[in-house]
Amino acid sequence: MQQLVLDIGMAPEPSFERYLPCGNEGALQALQEGMASAINLHAQSEQAAYTAPIPVYLWGGPGTGKTHLLTSVALALQSHGLSVGWLQPGIYAGKPNAREFNPQWSAVLIDDADQLSKAEQQRAFNWFINATYPSDGPPCWVIATGSAPAIDLAMRDDLRSRLGSGLSFELHPLSDVQRQAVLQLQARERGLHLSDEVAQYLLGRFARDLSSLSELLARLDVHALRTQRAITIPLLREVLHDSPASLP
């Protein structure tokens, strides 16, 4: 059955608290420890000896939480008053005056590194070098994501080598049972009851990545509150403006 990708607004803000590790505990711990190190590093006096946080590379298939974790790092650092550099495919397209490396950054975050263009790979490499060997101030933490181990990425050799120079973690996807548990937990956080029947219906008929499913849950929440109705399959069909005949 073809699954639908739903365009229903902004997803909940990513955070470490909203991430269910389920086999990815090592990656989560490394990010939390690296973030603490980055925060402490930028709180040191200028006379202190700087020790750079170890670079981290996260890899895995779609829906394994790579961007969620990377965004969680960015938001957490920003909540401490620190700035970050963010690079992803196409983010500077059509922007010839895009900013270069900023020594004030506490971290450089590179999402979907394996999909960067040649020019973007050059930028990523330059950022990595400047982050590791700054001309002034503390070094900068580097975290990147990709779809495969760094050694297998089809990209320029120097960047591939840098990406593989630190800690590397494969992120494993959640099972359907775990996805259902996350959805039902998110529903309870909203004061909603999401039955097993409705949760399984969602998992079987719509995009199964948690971002899309969480967005749908937010829309269901608004509609259920407006209509004072429980979340059921008929309500789901109504929210999506589909007739019962259009979906099994």
C-alpha atoms as a PDB file:
ATOM      1  CA  MET A   1       0.000   0.000   0.000  1.00  0.00           C
ATOM      2  CA  GLN A   2       1.382   3.412  -0.931  1.00  0.00           C
ATOM      3  CA  GLN A   3       2.010   5.551   2.123  1.00  0.00           C
ATOM      4  CA  LEU A   4       1.096   9.230   2.231  1.00  0.00           C
ATOM      5  CA  VAL A   5       3.428  12.031   3.247  1.00  0.00           C
ATOM      6  CA  LEU A   6       1.384  14.612   5.112  1.00  0.00           C
ATOM      7  CA  ASP A   7       1.907  18.362   4.888  1.00  0.00           C
ATOM      8  CA  ILE A   8       0.253  19.444   8.107  1.00  0.00           C
ATOM      9  CA  GLY A   9       2.435  22.085   9.720  1.00  0.00           C
ATOM     10  CA  MET A  10       5.431  22.258  12.016  1.00  0.00           C
ATOM     11  CA  ALA A  11       6.599  19.244  13.985  1.00  0.00           C
ATOM     12  CA  PRO A  12       7.205  19.495  17.752  1.00  0.00           C
ATOM     13  CA  GLU A  13      10.570  21.038  18.600  1.00  0.00           C
ATOM     14  CA  PRO A  14      13.282  18.357  18.722  1.00  0.00           C
ATOM     15  CA  SER A  15      14.997  17.695  22.040  1.00  0.00           C
ATOM     16  CA  PHE A  16      16.952  14.954  23.764  1.00  0.00           C
ATOM     17  CA  GLU A  17      13.931  14.367  25.990  1.00  0.00           C
ATOM     18  CA  ARG A  18      11.746  13.643  22.961  1.00  0.00           C
ATOM     19  CA  TYR A  19      14.211  11.104  21.558  1.00  0.00           C
ATOM     20  CA  LEU A  20      13.616   7.432  22.333  1.00  0.00           C
ATOM     21  CA  PRO A  21      17.096   5.805  22.109  1.00  0.00           C
ATOM     22  CA  CYS A  22      16.104   2.098  21.870  1.00  0.00           C
ATOM     23  CA  GLY A  23      19.522   0.777  20.911  1.00  0.00           C
ATOM     24  CA  ASN A  24      21.065   4.202  20.277  1.00  0.00           C
ATOM     25  CA  GLU A  25      21.994   4.943  23.885  1.00  0.00           C
ATOM     26  CA  GLY A  26      25.705   5.217  23.068  1.00  0.00           C
ATOM     27  CA  ALA A  27      25.121   7.965  20.511  1.00  0.00           C
ATOM     28  CA  LEU A  28      22.826   9.866  22.852  1.00  0.00           C
ATOM     29  CA  GLN A  29      25.349   9.694  25.688  1.00  0.00           C
ATOM     30  CA  ALA A  30      28.213  10.845  23.434  1.00  0.00           C
ATOM     31  CA  LEU A  31      26.191  13.854  22.277  1.00  0.00           C
ATOM     32  CA  GLN A  32      25.190  14.833  25.807  1.00  0.00           C
ATOM     33  CA  GLU A  33      28.768  14.518  27.042  1.00  0.00           C
ATOM     34  CA  GLY A  34      30.120  16.418  24.041  1.00  0.00           C
ATOM     35  CA  MET A  35      27.573  19.164  24.557  1.00  0.00           C
ATOM     36  CA  ALA A  36      28.572  19.525  28.213  1.00  0.00           C
ATOM     37  CA  SER A  37      32.212  19.703  27.124  1.00  0.00           C
ATOM     38  CA  ALA A  38      31.434  22.375  24.520  1.00  0.00           C
ATOM     39  CA  ILE A  39      29.534  24.461  27.055  1.00  0.00           C
ATOM     40  CA  ASN A  40      32.349  24.221  29.598  1.00  0.00           C
ATOM     41  CA  LEU A  41      34.958  24.940  26.943  1.00  0.00           C
ATOM     42  CA  HIS A  42      33.387  28.253  26.012  1.00  0.00           C
ATOM     43  CA  ALA A  43      33.011  29.199  29.658  1.00  0.00           C
ATOM     44  CA  GLN A  44      36.765  28.917  30.280  1.00  0.00           C
ATOM     45  CA  SER A  45      39.008  31.939  30.618  1.00  0.00           C
ATOM     46  CA  GLU A  46      41.254  32.875  27.722  1.00  0.00           C
ATOM     47  CA  GLN A  47      44.268  31.640  29.679  1.00  0.00           C
ATOM     48  CA  ALA A  48      42.861  28.130  30.114  1.00  0.00           C
ATOM     49  CA  ALA A  49      44.170  25.198  28.113  1.00  0.00           C
ATOM     50  CA  TYR A  50      41.627  24.180  25.507  1.00  0.00           C
ATOM     51  CA  THR A  51      40.709  20.560  24.845  1.00  0.00           C
ATOM     52  CA  ALA A  52      38.438  20.145  21.850  1.00  0.00           C
ATOM     53  CA  PRO A  53      35.394  17.873  22.113  1.00  0.00           C
ATOM     54  CA  ILE A  54      35.759  14.694  20.037  1.00  0.00           C
ATOM     55  CA  PRO A  55      33.981  14.936  16.636  1.00  0.00           C
ATOM     56  CA  VAL A  56      30.865  12.773  16.303  1.00  0.00           C
ATOM     57  CA  TYR A  57      29.482  11.182  13.147  1.00  0.00           C
ATOM     58  CA  LEU A  58      25.957   9.695  13.131  1.00  0.00           C
ATOM     59  CA  TRP A  59      24.838   7.483  10.292  1.00  0.00           C
ATOM     60  CA  GLY A  60      21.770   5.472   9.397  1.00  0.00           C
ATOM     61  CA  GLY A  61      18.764   5.255   7.121  1.00  0.00           C
ATOM     62  CA  PRO A  62      15.813   7.653   6.874  1.00  0.00           C
ATOM     63  CA  GLY A  63      13.756   8.045  10.019  1.00  0.00           C
ATOM     64  CA  THR A  64      16.488   7.000  12.449  1.00  0.00           C
ATOM     65  CA  GLY A  65      16.611  10.404  14.153  1.00  0.00           C
ATOM     66  CA  LYS A  66      19.820  11.882  12.737  1.00  0.00           C
ATOM     67  CA  THR A  67      18.410  15.348  12.078  1.00  0.00           C
ATOM     68  CA  HIS A  68      16.402  15.216  15.307  1.00  0.00           C
ATOM     69  CA  LEU A  69      19.569  14.680  17.351  1.00  0.00           C
ATOM     70  CA  LEU A  70      21.568  17.257  15.404  1.00  0.00           C
ATOM     71  CA  THR A  71      18.828  19.846  15.891  1.00  0.00           C
ATOM     72  CA  SER A  72      18.593  18.935  19.571  1.00  0.00           C
ATOM     73  CA  VAL A  73      22.279  19.729  19.968  1.00  0.00           C
ATOM     74  CA  ALA A  74      21.848  23.077  18.224  1.00  0.00           C
ATOM     75  CA  LEU A  75      18.846  24.102  20.335  1.00  0.00           C
ATOM     76  CA  ALA A  76      20.467  22.955  23.569  1.00  0.00           C
ATOM     77  CA  LEU A  77      23.649  24.943  22.880  1.00  0.00           C
ATOM     78  CA  GLN A  78      21.656  28.000  21.844  1.00  0.00           C
ATOM     79  CA  SER A  79      19.671  27.767  25.077  1.00  0.00           C
ATOM     80  CA  HIS A  80      22.991  28.343  26.859  1.00  0.00           C
ATOM     81  CA  GLY A  81      23.663  31.464  24.806  1.00  0.00           C
ATOM     82  CA  LEU A  82      26.047  29.756  22.389  1.00  0.00           C
ATOM     83  CA  SER A  83      25.955  30.016  18.591  1.00  0.00           C
ATOM     84  CA  VAL A  84      26.417  27.214  16.071  1.00  0.00           C
ATOM     85  CA  GLY A  85      27.176  26.808  12.386  1.00  0.00           C
ATOM     86  CA  TRP A  86      24.733  24.678  10.406  1.00  0.00           C
ATOM     87  CA  LEU A  87      25.381  23.172   6.977  1.00  0.00           C
ATOM     88  CA  GLN A  88      23.034  20.997   4.949  1.00  0.00           C
ATOM     89  CA  PRO A  89      22.524  20.401   1.220  1.00  0.00           C
ATOM     90  CA  GLY A  90      21.193  23.480  -0.543  1.00  0.00           C
ATOM     91  CA  ILE A  91      21.087  25.756   2.497  1.00  0.00           C
ATOM     92  CA  TYR A  92      23.313  28.358   0.829  1.00  0.00           C
ATOM     93  CA  ALA A  93      22.069  27.855  -2.730  1.00  0.00           C
ATOM     94  CA  GLY A  94      21.811  31.199  -4.517  1.00  0.00           C
ATOM     95  CA  LYS A  95      23.610  32.983  -1.695  1.00  0.00           C
ATOM     96  CA  PRO A  96      27.055  33.994  -2.999  1.00  0.00           C
ATOM     97  CA  ASN A  97      27.729  36.033   0.142  1.00  0.00           C
ATOM     98  CA  ALA A  98      26.934  33.205   2.544  1.00  0.00           C
ATOM     99  CA  ARG A  99      28.894  33.484   5.768  1.00  0.00           C
ATOM    100  CA  GLU A 100      32.095  31.559   6.268  1.00  0.00           C
ATOM    101  CA  PHE A 101      33.339  29.948   9.449  1.00  0.00           C
ATOM    102  CA  ASN A 102      32.666  32.019  12.559  1.00  0.00           C
ATOM    103  CA  PRO A 103      35.208  31.576  15.400  1.00  0.00           C
ATOM    104  CA  GLN A 104      32.427  32.422  17.853  1.00  0.00           C
ATOM    105  CA  TRP A 105      30.601  29.192  17.061  1.00  0.00           C
ATOM    106  CA  SER A 106      30.574  26.535  19.760  1.00  0.00           C
ATOM    107  CA  ALA A 107      29.760  23.754  17.274  1.00  0.00           C
ATOM    108  CA  VAL A 108      29.657  23.006  13.564  1.00  0.00           C
ATOM    109  CA  LEU A 109      26.696  20.811  12.603  1.00  0.00           C
ATOM    110  CA  ILE A 110      26.665  19.129   9.182  1.00  0.00           C
ATOM    111  CA  ASP A 111      23.465  17.310   8.200  1.00  0.00           C
ATOM    112  CA  ASP A 112      23.268  14.818   5.305  1.00  0.00           C
ATOM    113  CA  ALA A 113      26.986  15.154   4.622  1.00  0.00           C
ATOM    114  CA  ASP A 114      26.830  12.506   1.890  1.00  0.00           C
ATOM    115  CA  GLN A 115      24.424  14.679  -0.124  1.00  0.00           C
ATOM    116  CA  LEU A 116      26.550  17.836  -0.148  1.00  0.00           C
ATOM    117  CA  SER A 117      27.544  19.270  -3.516  1.00  0.00           C
ATOM    118  CA  LYS A 118      31.228  19.693  -4.389  1.00  0.00           C
ATOM    119  CA  ALA A 119      31.120  23.339  -3.322  1.00  0.00           C
ATOM    120  CA  GLU A 120      29.364  22.406  -0.089  1.00  0.00           C
ATOM    121  CA  GLN A 121      31.940  19.707   0.589  1.00  0.00           C
ATOM    122  CA  GLN A 122      34.652  22.330   0.214  1.00  0.00           C
ATOM    123  CA  ARG A 123      32.825  24.540   2.711  1.00  0.00           C
ATOM    124  CA  ALA A 124      32.353  21.620   5.117  1.00  0.00           C
ATOM    125  CA  PHE A 125      36.056  20.755   4.960  1.00  0.00           C
ATOM    126  CA  ASN A 126      37.072  24.377   5.555  1.00  0.00           C
ATOM    127  CA  TRP A 127      34.710  24.596   8.518  1.00  0.00           C
ATOM    128  CA  PHE A 128      36.091  21.350   9.924  1.00  0.00           C
ATOM    129  CA  ILE A 129      39.686  22.567   9.692  1.00  0.00           C
ATOM    130  CA  ASN A 130      38.877  25.956  11.223  1.00  0.00           C
ATOM    131  CA  ALA A 131      36.868  24.300  13.964  1.00  0.00           C
ATOM    132  CA  THR A 132      39.706  21.949  14.875  1.00  0.00           C
ATOM    133  CA  TYR A 133      42.572  24.415  14.485  1.00  0.00           C
ATOM    134  CA  PRO A 134      41.179  27.894  15.184  1.00  0.00           C
ATOM    135  CA  SER A 135      43.435  30.895  14.730  1.00  0.00           C
ATOM    136  CA  ASP A 136      42.058  32.344  17.955  1.00  0.00           C
ATOM    137  CA  GLY A 137      39.923  31.110  20.807  1.00  0.00           C
ATOM    138  CA  PRO A 138      38.758  27.601  21.693  1.00  0.00           C
ATOM    139  CA  PRO A 139      38.298  24.816  19.163  1.00  0.00           C
ATOM    140  CA  CYS A 140      34.813  24.045  17.942  1.00  0.00           C
ATOM    141  CA  TRP A 141      32.902  20.769  18.282  1.00  0.00           C
ATOM    142  CA  VAL A 142      31.946  19.081  14.982  1.00  0.00           C
ATOM    143  CA  ILE A 143      28.947  16.751  14.596  1.00  0.00           C
ATOM    144  CA  ALA A 144      27.859  15.364  11.227  1.00  0.00           C
ATOM    145  CA  THR A 145      25.318  12.908   9.852  1.00  0.00           C
ATOM    146  CA  GLY A 146      25.168  10.685   6.805  1.00  0.00           C
ATOM    147  CA  SER A 147      23.458   7.618   5.383  1.00  0.00           C
ATOM    148  CA  ALA A 148      26.463   5.266   5.566  1.00  0.00           C
ATOM    149  CA  PRO A 149      29.754   4.812   7.455  1.00  0.00           C
ATOM    150  CA  ALA A 150      32.155   7.649   6.725  1.00  0.00           C
ATOM    151  CA  ILE A 151      34.576   5.326   4.964  1.00  0.00           C
ATOM    152  CA  ASP A 152      31.879   4.400   2.419  1.00  0.00           C
ATOM    153  CA  LEU A 153      30.789   7.943   1.537  1.00  0.00           C
ATOM    154  CA  ALA A 154      31.278   9.055  -2.069  1.00  0.00           C
ATOM    155  CA  MET A 155      32.941  12.410  -1.469  1.00  0.00           C
ATOM    156  CA  ARG A 156      36.288  14.148  -1.419  1.00  0.00           C
ATOM    157  CA  ASP A 157      38.881  12.131   0.475  1.00  0.00           C
ATOM    158  CA  ASP A 158      39.943  14.821   2.938  1.00  0.00           C
ATOM    159  CA  LEU A 159      36.390  15.449   4.154  1.00  0.00           C
ATOM    160  CA  ARG A 160      35.612  11.727   4.371  1.00  0.00           C
ATOM    161  CA  SER A 161      38.738  11.270   6.464  1.00  0.00           C
ATOM    162  CA  ARG A 162      37.745  14.095   8.795  1.00  0.00           C
ATOM    163  CA  LEU A 163      34.231  12.744   9.254  1.00  0.00           C
ATOM    164  CA  GLY A 164      35.661   9.398  10.285  1.00  0.00           C
ATOM    165  CA  SER A 165      38.268  10.849  12.645  1.00  0.00           C
ATOM    166  CA  GLY A 166      36.165  10.833  15.803  1.00  0.00           C
ATOM    167  CA  LEU A 167      33.336   8.807  17.301  1.00  0.00           C
ATOM    168  CA  SER A 168      30.979   7.074  14.873  1.00  0.00           C
ATOM    169  CA  PHE A 169      27.540   5.662  15.696  1.00  0.00           C
ATOM    170  CA  GLU A 170      25.056   3.776  13.562  1.00  0.00           C
ATOM    171  CA  LEU A 171      21.507   4.826  14.477  1.00  0.00           C
ATOM    172  CA  HIS A 172      18.979   2.013  14.450  1.00  0.00           C
ATOM    173  CA  PRO A 173      15.323   2.618  13.517  1.00  0.00           C
ATOM    174  CA  LEU A 174      12.469   2.025  15.934  1.00  0.00           C
ATOM    175  CA  SER A 175      10.283  -1.013  15.476  1.00  0.00           C
ATOM    176  CA  ASP A 176       6.580  -0.579  14.785  1.00  0.00           C
ATOM    177  CA  VAL A 177       5.852  -1.462  18.401  1.00  0.00           C
ATOM    178  CA  GLN A 178       8.270   1.262  19.577  1.00  0.00           C
ATOM    179  CA  ARG A 179       6.813   3.811  17.143  1.00  0.00           C
ATOM    180  CA  GLN A 180       3.357   3.030  18.468  1.00  0.00           C
ATOM    181  CA  ALA A 181       4.581   3.470  22.032  1.00  0.00           C
ATOM    182  CA  VAL A 182       6.085   6.875  21.167  1.00  0.00           C
ATOM    183  CA  LEU A 183       2.872   8.027  19.476  1.00  0.00           C
ATOM    184  CA  GLN A 184       0.754   6.965  22.415  1.00  0.00           C
ATOM    185  CA  LEU A 185       3.142   8.665  24.841  1.00  0.00           C
ATOM    186  CA  GLN A 186       2.957  11.894  22.839  1.00  0.00           C
ATOM    187  CA  ALA A 187      -0.840  11.605  22.863  1.00  0.00           C
ATOM    188  CA  ARG A 188      -0.880  11.218  26.651  1.00  0.00           C
ATOM    189  CA  GLU A 189       1.352  14.291  26.962  1.00  0.00           C
ATOM    190  CA  ARG A 190      -1.406  16.186  25.150  1.00  0.00           C
ATOM    191  CA  GLY A 191      -4.105  14.732  27.383  1.00  0.00           C
ATOM    192  CA  LEU A 192      -5.392  12.490  24.587  1.00  0.00           C
ATOM    193  CA  HIS A 193      -6.166   8.800  24.360  1.00  0.00           C
ATOM    194  CA  LEU A 194      -4.812   7.117  21.237  1.00  0.00           C
ATOM    195  CA  SER A 195      -6.153   3.594  21.060  1.00  0.00           C
ATOM    196  CA  ASP A 196      -4.099   0.696  19.746  1.00  0.00           C
ATOM    197  CA  GLU A 197      -6.509   0.482  16.803  1.00  0.00           C
ATOM    198  CA  VAL A 198      -5.989   4.097  15.731  1.00  0.00           C
ATOM    199  CA  ALA A 199      -2.224   3.967  16.317  1.00  0.00           C
ATOM    200  CA  GLN A 200      -1.883   0.829  14.206  1.00  0.00           C
ATOM    201  CA  TYR A 201      -4.085   2.384  11.504  1.00  0.00           C
ATOM    202  CA  LEU A 202      -1.724   5.367  11.324  1.00  0.00           C
ATOM    203  CA  LEU A 203       1.371   3.184  11.185  1.00  0.00           C
ATOM    204  CA  GLY A 204      -0.104   1.031   8.447  1.00  0.00           C
ATOM    205  CA  ARG A 205      -1.369   3.751   6.125  1.00  0.00           C
ATOM    206  CA  PHE A 206       0.779   6.869   6.453  1.00  0.00           C
ATOM    207  CA  ALA A 207       4.444   7.863   6.384  1.00  0.00           C
ATOM    208  CA  ARG A 208       5.907   5.956   9.301  1.00  0.00           C
ATOM    209  CA  ASP A 209       8.671   8.353  10.282  1.00  0.00           C
ATOM    210  CA  LEU A 210       7.950   9.877  13.678  1.00  0.00           C
ATOM    211  CA  SER A 211       8.212  13.443  12.421  1.00  0.00           C
ATOM    212  CA  SER A 212       5.258  13.046  10.042  1.00  0.00           C
ATOM    213  CA  LEU A 213       3.282  11.000  12.553  1.00  0.00           C
ATOM    214  CA  SER A 214       3.875  13.572  15.298  1.00  0.00           C
ATOM    215  CA  GLU A 215       2.674  16.341  12.987  1.00  0.00           C
ATOM    216  CA  LEU A 216      -0.480  14.381  12.281  1.00  0.00           C
ATOM    217  CA  LEU A 217      -1.054  13.841  15.984  1.00  0.00           C
ATOM    218  CA  ALA A 218      -0.807  17.607  16.540  1.00  0.00           C
ATOM    219  CA  ARG A 219      -3.451  18.203  13.903  1.00  0.00           C
ATOM    220  CA  LEU A 220      -5.696  15.531  15.383  1.00  0.00           C
ATOM    221  CA  ASP A 221      -5.303  17.188  18.781  1.00  0.00           C
ATOM    222  CA  VAL A 222      -6.505  20.548  17.459  1.00  0.00           C
ATOM    223  CA  HIS A 223      -9.474  19.017  15.651  1.00  0.00           C
ATOM    224  CA  ALA A 224     -10.470  16.818  18.588  1.00  0.00           C
ATOM    225  CA  LEU A 225     -10.374  19.818  20.918  1.00  0.00           C
ATOM    226  CA  ARG A 226     -12.435  21.923  18.509  1.00  0.00           C
ATOM    227  CA  THR A 227     -15.088  19.253  18.021  1.00  0.00           C
ATOM    228  CA  GLN A 228     -14.919  17.784  21.542  1.00  0.00           C
ATOM    229  CA  ARG A 229     -14.566  14.297  20.090  1.00  0.00           C
ATOM    230  CA  ALA A 230     -12.279  11.393  20.888  1.00  0.00           C
ATOM    231  CA  ILE A 231      -9.610  10.434  18.360  1.00  0.00           C
ATOM    232  CA  THR A 232     -11.058   7.658  16.250  1.00  0.00           C
ATOM    233  CA  ILE A 233     -10.549   6.389  12.714  1.00  0.00           C
ATOM    234  CA  PRO A 234     -13.638   8.340  11.467  1.00  0.00           C
ATOM    235  CA  LEU A 235     -12.183  11.509  13.029  1.00  0.00           C
ATOM    236  CA  LEU A 236      -8.853  10.784  11.356  1.00  0.00           C
ATOM    237  CA  ARG A 237     -10.575  10.454   7.981  1.00  0.00           C
ATOM    238  CA  GLU A 238     -12.412  13.690   8.603  1.00  0.00           C
ATOM    239  CA  VAL A 239      -9.251  15.598   9.479  1.00  0.00           C
ATOM    240  CA  LEU A 240      -7.578  14.423   6.305  1.00  0.00           C
ATOM    241  CA  HIS A 241     -10.623  15.309   4.194  1.00  0.00           C
ATOM    242  CA  ASP A 242     -10.806  11.759   2.846  1.00  0.00           C
ATOM    243  CA  SER A 243     -13.999   9.820   2.329  1.00  0.00           C
ATOM    244  CA  PRO A 244     -14.201   6.330   3.871  1.00  0.00           C
ATOM    245  CA  ALA A 245     -13.969   4.883   0.377  1.00  0.00           C
ATOM    246  CA  SER A 246     -10.613   6.499  -0.297  1.00  0.00           C
ATOM    247  CA  LEU A 247      -8.804   4.710   2.490  1.00  0.00           C
ATOM    248  CA  PRO A 248      -9.183   1.055   3.447  1.00  0.00           C
END
